[in-house]
């Protein structure tokens, strides 16, 4: 008698291998990160009735592509937007991994474009990940915009689960801030590409100087905790990204949440006073929001 063993995570009970690449049907497929749950059933690599996996089937399709014609099409597209004054003419999103490094390199050095690289970095970089990112920008010769929240001491963004980062290691040095100020003052018409212009980006400089105790933190005008809520991937809610957890998504106006809002004074609260966000929403902002 054959014992039937329990399978976990939704994996197929029958283990099959692709007859071409020998990849197993136990390999999880891509899955949206925010949908991860401990009891979720993960989709896995599909292997068809002929014993061939989806990846190999897609490889067959790529063999039918006229790559010279595709490159010619790419050239025509790039020529439509190519600039000859050195200004940015395309955006290349990436992290500094092999795919984004290769794409940015080809755009700049093979196709003669001037890409601006854009990154939404992880909350906690690995040593290798950060090193790769810096090599991409510094050795590759690219400019980069990163959209990571500036606050480096918050427990938001699930940092309370994964661990608070080393603030001392992340905090810019005095020399870094001198260079940052020089770069801000040297910006040409920053209002055209920085939301809020020089004044807004200078808040970041003042924030880091406040962390170094070289100046006061920038003044805060914010009503985010009263007009919005932050729901984390765990279901926990916060009045804003940087304030403590005040409940979960099933009860966003529970006693703890109401008590938090009644007592909060952004002018004196220690977390608010050192916040770089300062989100002040008016009636017009809500009227302009799209649902």
Protein backbone atom coordinates (compact mmCIF):
# COMPACT_ATOMS: atom_id res chain seq x y z
CA UNK A 1 0.00 0.00 0.00
CA UNK A 2 1.42 3.37 -1.03
CA UNK A 3 1.20 6.10 1.58
CA UNK A 4 -0.28 9.37 0.31
CA UNK A 5 1.79 12.23 1.67
CA UNK A 6 0.39 15.69 2.28
CA UNK A 7 1.63 18.45 -0.03
CA UNK A 8 2.25 22.01 1.15
CA UNK A 9 1.88 25.51 -0.36
CA UNK A 10 -0.33 24.23 -3.18
CA UNK A 11 2.49 22.28 -4.86
CA UNK A 12 1.38 19.49 -7.23
CA UNK A 13 1.31 16.07 -5.62
CA UNK A 14 2.78 14.52 -8.77
CA UNK A 15 6.32 15.72 -9.47
CA UNK A 16 6.95 16.23 -13.21
CA UNK A 17 9.96 17.48 -15.14
CA UNK A 18 10.11 19.33 -18.44
CA UNK A 19 11.51 16.95 -21.06
CA UNK A 20 13.65 19.75 -22.53
CA UNK A 21 15.07 21.79 -19.64
CA UNK A 22 14.24 19.35 -16.78
CA UNK A 23 12.71 22.18 -14.73
CA UNK A 24 10.28 20.79 -12.16
CA UNK A 25 6.61 21.64 -11.78
CA UNK A 26 7.45 22.27 -8.12
CA UNK A 27 8.99 25.63 -9.09
CA UNK A 28 6.75 28.50 -7.84
CA UNK A 29 5.62 30.98 -10.46
CA UNK A 30 5.81 34.76 -10.02
CA UNK A 31 3.32 36.05 -7.49
CA UNK A 32 2.41 39.59 -6.31
CA UNK A 33 4.35 40.23 -3.10
CA UNK A 34 1.48 41.99 -1.34
CA UNK A 35 -0.70 38.89 -1.70
CA UNK A 36 1.67 36.61 0.20
CA UNK A 37 0.07 34.84 3.14
CA UNK A 38 1.40 31.98 5.21
CA UNK A 39 -1.41 29.71 4.02
CA UNK A 40 -1.48 30.82 0.37
CA UNK A 41 -1.45 28.33 -2.49
CA UNK A 42 1.32 29.29 -4.87
CA UNK A 43 0.92 28.79 -8.64
CA UNK A 44 3.71 26.66 -10.09
CA UNK A 45 5.42 26.09 -13.42
CA UNK A 46 2.99 24.61 -15.93
CA UNK A 47 4.04 21.58 -17.98
CA UNK A 48 1.78 20.75 -20.90
CA UNK A 49 0.49 17.39 -22.13
CA UNK A 50 3.61 16.94 -24.25
CA UNK A 51 5.86 17.29 -21.24
CA UNK A 52 7.16 20.78 -22.17
CA UNK A 53 7.09 23.72 -19.75
CA UNK A 54 5.80 27.23 -20.48
CA UNK A 55 9.32 28.71 -20.48
CA UNK A 56 10.43 26.35 -23.26
CA UNK A 57 7.30 27.08 -25.26
CA UNK A 58 8.04 30.79 -25.02
CA UNK A 59 11.62 30.13 -26.17
CA UNK A 60 10.11 28.57 -29.32
CA UNK A 61 8.24 31.82 -30.03
CA UNK A 62 11.42 33.88 -29.70
CA UNK A 63 13.06 31.78 -32.40
CA UNK A 64 10.41 33.02 -34.84
CA UNK A 65 11.12 36.72 -34.22
CA UNK A 66 12.95 38.79 -36.87
CA UNK A 67 15.39 40.47 -34.50
CA UNK A 68 16.94 42.73 -37.14
CA UNK A 69 13.50 44.13 -37.96
CA UNK A 70 12.77 44.60 -34.26
CA UNK A 71 16.04 46.50 -33.77
CA UNK A 72 15.27 48.72 -36.73
CA UNK A 73 11.90 49.47 -35.12
CA UNK A 74 13.70 50.31 -31.89
CA UNK A 75 16.04 52.70 -33.74
CA UNK A 76 13.07 54.55 -35.23
CA UNK A 77 11.46 54.86 -31.80
CA UNK A 78 14.65 56.15 -30.18
CA UNK A 79 15.22 58.66 -32.99
CA UNK A 80 11.85 60.24 -32.23
CA UNK A 81 12.99 61.22 -28.74
CA UNK A 82 16.77 61.48 -29.07
CA UNK A 83 18.23 64.73 -27.76
CA UNK A 84 21.46 66.30 -28.96
CA UNK A 85 21.99 68.77 -26.11
CA UNK A 86 22.90 66.17 -23.49
CA UNK A 87 19.50 66.29 -21.77
CA UNK A 88 17.65 63.18 -20.67
CA UNK A 89 15.64 61.59 -23.45
CA UNK A 90 14.49 58.32 -21.88
CA UNK A 91 13.93 56.71 -18.50
CA UNK A 92 15.47 53.39 -17.50
CA UNK A 93 13.99 51.91 -14.32
CA UNK A 94 16.16 49.46 -12.41
CA UNK A 95 17.88 48.36 -9.23
CA UNK A 96 21.44 47.81 -10.38
CA UNK A 97 20.88 44.14 -11.15
CA UNK A 98 22.04 42.57 -14.38
CA UNK A 99 18.91 43.39 -16.41
CA UNK A 100 18.76 47.12 -15.64
CA UNK A 101 22.53 47.55 -15.90
CA UNK A 102 22.56 45.93 -19.34
CA UNK A 103 19.53 47.90 -20.59
CA UNK A 104 20.94 51.25 -19.42
CA UNK A 105 24.38 50.42 -20.85
CA UNK A 106 22.93 49.58 -24.27
CA UNK A 107 20.76 52.71 -24.34
CA UNK A 108 23.68 54.99 -23.54
CA UNK A 109 26.70 53.40 -25.17
CA UNK A 110 25.23 51.45 -28.09
CA UNK A 111 22.19 53.51 -29.07
CA UNK A 112 23.48 56.96 -28.08
CA UNK A 113 20.63 57.86 -25.73
CA UNK A 114 20.83 59.84 -22.49
CA UNK A 115 18.88 57.75 -19.96
CA UNK A 116 17.84 58.89 -16.52
CA UNK A 117 17.80 55.84 -14.27
CA UNK A 118 14.94 55.59 -11.77
CA UNK A 119 14.86 53.33 -8.72
CA UNK A 120 12.34 52.36 -6.06
CA UNK A 121 14.86 50.73 -3.72
CA UNK A 122 14.21 48.17 -1.01
CA UNK A 123 13.82 49.26 2.57
CA UNK A 124 16.86 47.23 3.59
CA UNK A 125 19.62 46.84 1.02
CA UNK A 126 21.87 43.82 1.18
CA UNK A 127 25.58 44.65 1.08
CA UNK A 128 25.86 43.16 -2.41
CA UNK A 129 22.70 44.89 -3.61
CA UNK A 130 23.88 48.33 -2.49
CA UNK A 131 27.33 47.75 -3.95
CA UNK A 132 25.81 46.73 -7.29
CA UNK A 133 23.54 49.78 -7.31
CA UNK A 134 26.41 52.17 -6.63
CA UNK A 135 28.62 50.57 -9.29
CA UNK A 136 25.78 50.89 -11.80
CA UNK A 137 25.47 54.64 -11.19
CA UNK A 138 29.06 55.63 -10.40
CA UNK A 139 31.02 53.40 -12.76
CA UNK A 140 28.33 53.26 -15.42
CA UNK A 141 28.12 57.04 -15.58
CA UNK A 142 24.38 57.47 -14.97
CA UNK A 143 22.22 59.92 -13.08
CA UNK A 144 19.58 58.37 -10.83
CA UNK A 145 16.42 59.32 -8.98
CA UNK A 146 15.43 57.11 -6.04
CA UNK A 147 11.98 57.29 -4.49
CA UNK A 148 12.77 55.81 -1.09
CA UNK A 149 11.33 57.70 1.86
CA UNK A 150 14.11 59.75 3.42
CA UNK A 151 13.30 58.86 7.02
CA UNK A 152 15.88 56.29 8.14
CA UNK A 153 14.80 55.69 11.71
CA UNK A 154 11.15 54.76 11.30
CA UNK A 155 9.68 51.35 12.05
CA UNK A 156 7.20 51.77 9.16
CA UNK A 157 7.26 49.84 5.88
CA UNK A 158 7.30 46.59 7.91
CA UNK A 159 10.74 47.45 9.32
CA UNK A 160 9.39 46.40 12.71
CA UNK A 161 9.22 42.87 11.28
CA UNK A 162 12.50 42.79 9.38
CA UNK A 163 14.54 44.91 11.77
CA UNK A 164 15.41 48.60 12.02
CA UNK A 165 18.32 49.49 9.72
CA UNK A 166 21.66 50.73 11.01
CA UNK A 167 21.04 54.50 11.09
CA UNK A 168 24.69 55.37 11.52
CA UNK A 169 25.63 53.42 8.40
CA UNK A 170 22.87 55.03 6.31
CA UNK A 171 23.16 58.61 7.55
CA UNK A 172 25.09 60.97 5.24
CA UNK A 173 28.30 62.41 6.60
CA UNK A 174 29.02 66.13 6.93
CA UNK A 175 31.07 65.95 3.71
CA UNK A 176 28.16 64.22 1.94
CA UNK A 177 25.82 67.05 2.93
CA UNK A 178 28.24 69.73 1.73
CA UNK A 179 28.29 67.99 -1.64
CA UNK A 180 24.49 67.64 -1.59
CA UNK A 181 24.06 71.37 -0.93
CA UNK A 182 26.45 72.18 -3.78
CA UNK A 183 24.44 69.92 -6.10
CA UNK A 184 21.11 71.52 -5.08
CA UNK A 185 22.43 75.04 -5.62
CA UNK A 186 23.77 73.98 -9.00
CA UNK A 187 20.43 72.67 -10.29
CA UNK A 188 19.18 74.35 -13.43
CA UNK A 189 15.47 75.19 -13.10
CA UNK A 190 14.72 72.47 -10.49
CA UNK A 191 11.04 73.40 -10.47
CA UNK A 192 10.69 71.73 -13.85
CA UNK A 193 11.67 68.28 -12.57
CA UNK A 194 11.57 68.41 -8.74
CA UNK A 195 8.16 68.66 -7.10
CA UNK A 196 8.25 71.86 -5.05
CA UNK A 197 11.52 73.02 -6.60
CA UNK A 198 14.65 73.95 -4.64
CA UNK A 199 12.72 74.67 -1.44
CA UNK A 200 11.26 71.16 -1.34
CA UNK A 201 14.47 69.32 -2.01
CA UNK A 202 16.33 71.55 0.47
CA UNK A 203 14.07 70.12 3.19
CA UNK A 204 15.86 66.81 2.71
CA UNK A 205 19.20 68.52 3.22
CA UNK A 206 17.94 70.22 6.39
CA UNK A 207 16.46 66.94 7.62
CA UNK A 208 19.81 65.17 7.41
CA UNK A 209 21.53 68.13 9.05
CA UNK A 210 18.98 67.85 11.83
CA UNK A 211 19.92 64.19 12.27
CA UNK A 212 23.56 65.27 12.53
CA UNK A 213 22.51 67.97 15.04
CA UNK A 214 23.92 70.65 12.79
CA UNK A 215 20.56 72.45 12.52
CA UNK A 216 16.90 72.27 13.45
CA UNK A 217 14.64 69.87 11.59
CA UNK A 218 12.50 71.55 8.89
CA UNK A 219 9.15 72.94 10.06
CA UNK A 220 6.18 70.60 9.59
CA UNK A 221 2.68 71.38 8.32
CA UNK A 222 0.80 68.11 8.02
CA UNK A 223 -2.73 66.73 8.31
CA UNK A 224 -2.09 63.25 6.91
CA UNK A 225 -3.11 61.38 10.11
CA UNK A 226 -6.59 62.98 9.97
CA UNK A 227 -7.30 62.60 6.25
CA UNK A 228 -5.61 59.31 5.34
CA UNK A 229 -4.53 55.96 6.70
CA UNK A 230 -1.60 53.66 5.98
CA UNK A 231 -2.39 49.95 5.60
CA UNK A 232 0.68 47.72 5.69
CA UNK A 233 1.06 44.32 4.05
CA UNK A 234 0.46 42.71 7.45
CA UNK A 235 -2.92 44.43 7.78
CA UNK A 236 -1.66 46.80 10.48
CA UNK A 237 -2.65 50.46 10.15
CA UNK A 238 -0.81 53.66 11.02
CA UNK A 239 -1.89 57.27 11.11
CA UNK A 240 1.00 57.94 8.73
CA UNK A 241 4.04 56.03 7.54
CA UNK A 242 6.11 57.06 10.54
CA UNK A 243 3.73 56.89 13.48
CA UNK A 244 3.16 53.71 15.56
CA UNK A 245 0.61 51.02 14.70
CA UNK A 246 -2.88 52.00 15.90
CA UNK A 247 -4.92 48.95 14.91
CA UNK A 248 -5.62 46.87 11.84
CA UNK A 249 -7.58 47.29 8.61
CA UNK A 250 -10.72 45.71 10.08
CA UNK A 251 -11.16 48.64 12.46
CA UNK A 252 -9.56 51.79 11.07
CA UNK A 253 -11.56 54.04 13.39
CA UNK A 254 -11.22 51.96 16.53
CA UNK A 255 -10.64 53.41 20.01
CA UNK A 256 -6.84 53.41 19.65
CA UNK A 257 -6.99 55.21 16.29
CA UNK A 258 -9.41 57.86 17.57
CA UNK A 259 -7.34 58.38 20.71
CA UNK A 260 -4.18 58.78 18.63
CA UNK A 261 -5.72 61.47 16.41
CA UNK A 262 -7.22 63.41 19.32
CA UNK A 263 -3.91 63.61 21.16
CA UNK A 264 -1.54 64.17 18.22
CA UNK A 265 0.05 67.62 17.87
CA UNK A 266 2.36 67.73 14.87
CA UNK A 267 4.15 70.82 16.18
CA UNK A 268 5.33 69.09 19.35
CA UNK A 269 5.24 65.35 18.58
CA UNK A 270 8.86 64.06 18.39
CA UNK A 271 8.16 61.87 15.37
CA UNK A 272 6.39 64.67 13.49
CA UNK A 273 9.07 67.24 14.28
CA UNK A 274 11.73 65.11 12.61
CA UNK A 275 9.59 64.05 9.65
CA UNK A 276 10.64 65.05 6.15
CA UNK A 277 7.26 64.29 4.57
CA UNK A 278 5.00 67.13 5.79
CA UNK A 279 1.90 66.24 3.75
CA UNK A 280 -0.77 68.93 3.92
CA UNK A 281 -3.90 68.05 1.94
CA UNK A 282 -6.66 70.54 1.24
CA UNK A 283 -10.19 70.23 -0.13
CA UNK A 284 -8.94 70.88 -3.67
CA UNK A 285 -6.53 67.94 -3.38
CA UNK A 286 -9.40 65.58 -2.65
CA UNK A 287 -11.52 67.01 -5.46
CA UNK A 288 -8.68 66.39 -7.88
CA UNK A 289 -8.16 62.79 -6.78
CA UNK A 290 -9.14 60.13 -9.32
CA UNK A 291 -10.86 56.96 -8.19
